[in-house]
Amino acid sequence: KLDAWLNSGRIDLIASIPYLPSLMTQADLSTPSLEGTVCLVVKDHRRHDFSTLAALQNLPQVTVGVDYDTDTAKREFQKFFPGVNIKTLRIENFHDFFTQKVHGIDAIVTIAEAGTAWTLLYPGYSVVIPKPNIRKAPMGYAVAKRNRELVEFLNDWVRAKKGDGSFERIYNYWVLGKGAIKTEPRWSFIRNVLKWVD
C-alpha cells in the first residue's frame, strides 16, 4: 500500500515510517528523524499477560495483527520473542482492531509513541513494552523511489533540525509532555504576603 500511495503521486511523503525490510523495498526512506520503541497494544485487562518475555512464553499462542507483510513480521517476532508461539494476521488498519471489526487478535505491534495516541482514543487498551527485550526502531520519511531529490532535501532538513535541537524539543513537548503544564510554586506566606523572596 505504501508504494501505491507514493508512486501514484497522490502523496509526496509519509512521516514516521519504521525501517522494516518490507517497507524499505517499497519506498526510499530519509535519514532517521526519530527512534521509536517497539510495543504491543493490548486490551488493558490483559496487559500483564504481555509485560515480559516469560509471560508471553506462558501463553499457548499470541495472535498479533500487523499492517505489513505477515511473513516478515513473524520472522521478526520469532527473533525478538524466542520461544513464543506467534501467529500473525494482516489487518488493513489499526482502527479495525480497536473497534473489534477483526476478531481473534490479541495485540497489534506498533511504535509506543503511536500506540499511546491510540490508547487515548480507546482507553480500554494499553501500550506494553515486553521486558527485558526493549527494541528501538529508527523511523524516517518515506518518499517514492523516483523522487531522489526530495529524499536528499529531507536528509539535509533532518540533519539541520536534529542539529538545532528542534526534534528533541518537539518530542519532549508533544510525546513526553515536558513543559506542557506549568507548575506554580506553592503558596508561601513569606513570598506571597511579606514579599521577602521571589
Protein backbone atom coordinates (compact mmCIF):
# COMPACT_ATOMS: atom_id res chain seq x y z
CA LYS A 1 0.00 0.00 0.00
CA LEU A 2 2.83 2.37 0.86
CA ASP A 3 4.36 2.21 -2.61
CA ALA A 4 0.95 2.60 -4.27
CA TRP A 5 0.24 5.80 -2.34
CA LEU A 6 3.65 7.28 -3.07
CA ASN A 7 4.10 6.10 -6.66
CA SER A 8 0.63 7.21 -7.74
CA GLY A 9 1.62 10.78 -6.94
CA ARG A 10 -1.33 11.19 -4.57
CA ILE A 11 1.05 11.99 -1.73
CA ASP A 12 4.70 13.00 -1.70
CA LEU A 13 5.86 11.77 1.69
CA ILE A 14 4.76 9.84 4.75
CA ALA A 15 6.24 10.60 8.16
CA SER A 16 7.42 8.19 10.87
CA ILE A 17 7.87 5.07 8.76
CA PRO A 18 9.95 2.42 10.55
CA TYR A 19 12.97 0.90 8.84
CA LEU A 20 11.48 -2.52 8.11
CA PRO A 21 12.76 -4.64 5.22
CA SER A 22 9.27 -4.95 3.73
CA LEU A 23 8.80 -1.16 3.73
CA MET A 24 12.31 -0.32 2.56
CA THR A 25 11.66 -2.11 -0.72
CA GLN A 26 8.55 -0.01 -1.37
CA ALA A 27 9.97 3.47 -0.85
CA ASP A 28 13.10 5.47 -0.20
CA LEU A 29 13.50 6.46 3.42
CA SER A 30 15.14 9.62 4.68
CA THR A 31 17.77 9.78 7.37
CA PRO A 32 16.05 8.66 10.60
CA SER A 33 14.24 11.54 12.25
CA LEU A 34 13.04 9.65 15.31
CA GLU A 35 13.80 6.47 17.18
CA GLY A 36 10.64 4.77 18.39
CA THR A 37 10.18 1.99 20.92
CA VAL A 38 8.53 -1.13 19.58
CA CYS A 39 5.48 -2.09 21.62
CA LEU A 40 2.37 -4.21 21.73
CA VAL A 41 -1.05 -2.65 22.22
CA VAL A 42 -3.38 -4.98 24.10
CA LYS A 43 -6.68 -4.86 25.97
CA ASP A 44 -5.98 -3.17 29.28
CA HIS A 45 -7.10 -6.11 31.43
CA ARG A 46 -4.54 -8.35 29.62
CA ARG A 47 -1.52 -6.06 29.84
CA HIS A 48 0.21 -8.27 32.45
CA ASP A 49 -0.02 -11.27 30.08
CA PHE A 50 2.28 -9.38 27.67
CA SER A 51 4.56 -7.46 30.06
CA THR A 52 7.55 -9.82 29.96
CA LEU A 53 9.07 -12.37 27.63
CA ALA A 54 8.40 -15.06 30.26
CA ALA A 55 4.70 -14.09 30.40
CA LEU A 56 4.47 -14.26 26.60
CA GLN A 57 6.15 -17.68 26.60
CA ASN A 58 3.49 -18.96 29.03
CA LEU A 59 0.65 -18.14 26.61
CA PRO A 60 -0.46 -21.02 24.34
CA GLN A 61 -0.45 -18.70 21.31
CA VAL A 62 -0.19 -14.97 20.67
CA THR A 63 -2.05 -13.64 17.64
CA VAL A 64 -0.63 -10.33 16.50
CA GLY A 65 -2.24 -8.03 13.97
CA VAL A 66 0.16 -6.23 11.64
CA ASP A 67 -0.35 -3.75 8.85
CA TYR A 68 2.59 -5.03 6.82
CA ASP A 69 3.84 -8.34 5.43
CA THR A 70 2.90 -11.15 7.85
CA ASP A 71 5.85 -13.40 6.94
CA THR A 72 8.35 -10.61 7.63
CA ALA A 73 6.52 -9.79 10.87
CA LYS A 74 6.57 -13.41 12.03
CA ARG A 75 10.33 -13.73 11.39
CA GLU A 76 10.98 -10.50 13.29
CA PHE A 77 8.81 -11.59 16.25
CA GLN A 78 10.39 -15.03 16.47
CA LYS A 79 13.83 -13.42 16.56
CA PHE A 80 12.75 -10.86 19.13
CA PHE A 81 10.48 -13.12 21.24
CA PRO A 82 12.16 -16.54 21.23
CA GLY A 83 10.05 -19.41 22.49
CA VAL A 84 6.74 -17.60 21.91
CA ASN A 85 4.14 -19.30 19.71
CA ILE A 86 3.25 -16.37 17.45
CA LYS A 87 0.62 -16.16 14.75
CA THR A 88 0.45 -13.03 12.60
CA LEU A 89 -2.66 -11.74 10.87
CA ARG A 90 -2.75 -8.95 8.31
CA ILE A 91 -5.12 -6.10 9.13
CA GLU A 92 -5.88 -3.17 6.87
CA ASN A 93 -5.73 -0.59 9.62
CA PHE A 94 -5.42 -0.42 13.37
CA HIS A 95 -8.87 1.14 13.72
CA ASP A 96 -10.38 -2.27 12.91
CA PHE A 97 -8.51 -3.78 15.87
CA PHE A 98 -9.71 -1.15 18.32
CA THR A 99 -13.32 -1.25 17.13
CA GLN A 100 -13.16 -5.07 17.11
CA LYS A 101 -14.13 -5.37 13.45
CA VAL A 102 -11.41 -8.01 13.27
CA HIS A 103 -11.72 -10.77 15.86
CA GLY A 104 -9.17 -13.14 17.36
CA ILE A 105 -6.26 -10.70 17.59
CA ASP A 106 -4.52 -10.45 20.97
CA ALA A 107 -2.32 -7.47 20.16
CA ILE A 108 -1.04 -5.16 17.48
CA VAL A 109 2.58 -4.19 17.11
CA THR A 110 3.48 -0.56 16.59
CA ILE A 111 5.73 2.15 17.93
CA ALA A 112 4.97 3.16 21.54
CA GLU A 113 4.66 6.81 20.57
CA ALA A 114 1.88 5.95 18.10
CA GLY A 115 0.33 3.27 20.32
CA THR A 116 -0.06 5.77 23.14
CA ALA A 117 -2.07 8.05 20.87
CA TRP A 118 -4.40 5.15 20.02
CA THR A 119 -4.90 4.40 23.73
CA LEU A 120 -6.01 7.98 24.31
CA LEU A 121 -8.78 7.37 21.78
CA TYR A 122 -9.51 3.87 23.09
CA PRO A 123 -8.79 3.89 26.87
CA GLY A 124 -9.68 0.20 27.22
CA TYR A 125 -6.28 -0.59 25.70
CA SER A 126 -2.72 -0.27 26.98
CA VAL A 127 0.76 0.01 25.50
CA VAL A 128 3.06 -2.79 26.66
CA ILE A 129 6.81 -2.95 26.10
CA PRO A 130 7.73 -6.54 26.99
CA LYS A 131 10.78 -6.71 29.24
CA PRO A 132 13.70 -7.37 29.01
CA ASN A 133 13.87 -7.03 25.21
CA ILE A 134 13.26 -3.34 24.65
CA ARG A 135 13.70 -2.71 20.95
CA LYS A 136 14.19 0.66 19.32
CA ALA A 137 13.30 1.25 15.69
CA PRO A 138 14.61 4.11 13.59
CA MET A 139 11.93 5.95 11.64
CA GLY A 140 12.15 8.32 8.73
CA TYR A 141 10.13 9.95 5.98
CA ALA A 142 9.06 7.67 3.12
CA VAL A 143 9.25 9.06 -0.41
CA ALA A 144 8.53 7.49 -3.81
CA LYS A 145 11.53 5.66 -5.25
CA ARG A 146 11.65 8.03 -8.23
CA ASN A 147 11.90 11.16 -6.06
CA ARG A 148 15.56 11.14 -5.03
CA GLU A 149 15.71 14.95 -4.92
CA LEU A 150 13.06 15.08 -2.17
CA VAL A 151 14.87 12.38 -0.16
CA GLU A 152 18.11 14.36 -0.33
CA PHE A 153 16.31 17.54 0.76
CA LEU A 154 14.69 15.66 3.69
CA ASN A 155 18.06 14.21 4.70
CA ASP A 156 19.55 17.70 4.89
CA TRP A 157 16.48 19.05 6.70
CA VAL A 158 16.53 16.23 9.28
CA ARG A 159 20.24 16.80 9.97
CA ALA A 160 19.63 20.55 10.40
CA LYS A 161 16.65 20.06 12.74
CA LYS A 162 18.49 17.47 14.82
CA GLY A 163 21.47 19.79 15.00
CA ASP A 164 19.47 22.76 16.29
CA GLY A 165 17.55 20.63 18.81
CA SER A 166 14.13 21.07 17.15
CA PHE A 167 13.30 17.36 17.06
CA GLU A 168 14.24 16.91 20.70
CA ARG A 169 12.17 19.93 21.82
CA ILE A 170 9.12 18.82 19.83
CA TYR A 171 9.43 15.21 21.02
CA ASN A 172 9.84 16.27 24.65
CA TYR A 173 6.79 18.54 24.49
CA TRP A 174 4.34 16.53 22.35
CA VAL A 175 5.31 12.96 23.23
CA LEU A 176 6.79 13.17 26.72
CA GLY A 177 4.66 16.12 27.86
CA LYS A 178 7.62 18.03 29.28
CA GLY A 179 6.74 21.68 29.75
CA ALA A 180 3.11 21.12 28.79
CA ILE A 181 1.89 22.05 32.27
CA LYS A 182 3.45 24.99 34.05
CA THR A 183 3.75 24.36 37.74
CA GLU A 184 3.41 27.34 40.00
CA PRO A 185 5.39 27.33 43.23
CA ARG A 186 3.38 26.51 46.33
CA TRP A 187 1.74 29.40 48.10
CA SER A 188 4.05 30.81 50.73
CA PHE A 189 3.41 33.41 53.44
CA ILE A 190 6.97 34.69 53.10
CA ARG A 191 6.75 35.04 49.29
CA ASN A 192 3.08 35.91 48.70
CA VAL A 193 2.35 38.15 51.70
CA LEU A 194 5.60 39.52 53.05
CA LYS A 195 7.29 39.58 49.58
CA TRP A 196 10.68 38.74 51.12
CA VAL A 197 11.57 36.32 48.26
CA ASP A 198 10.59 35.96 44.61
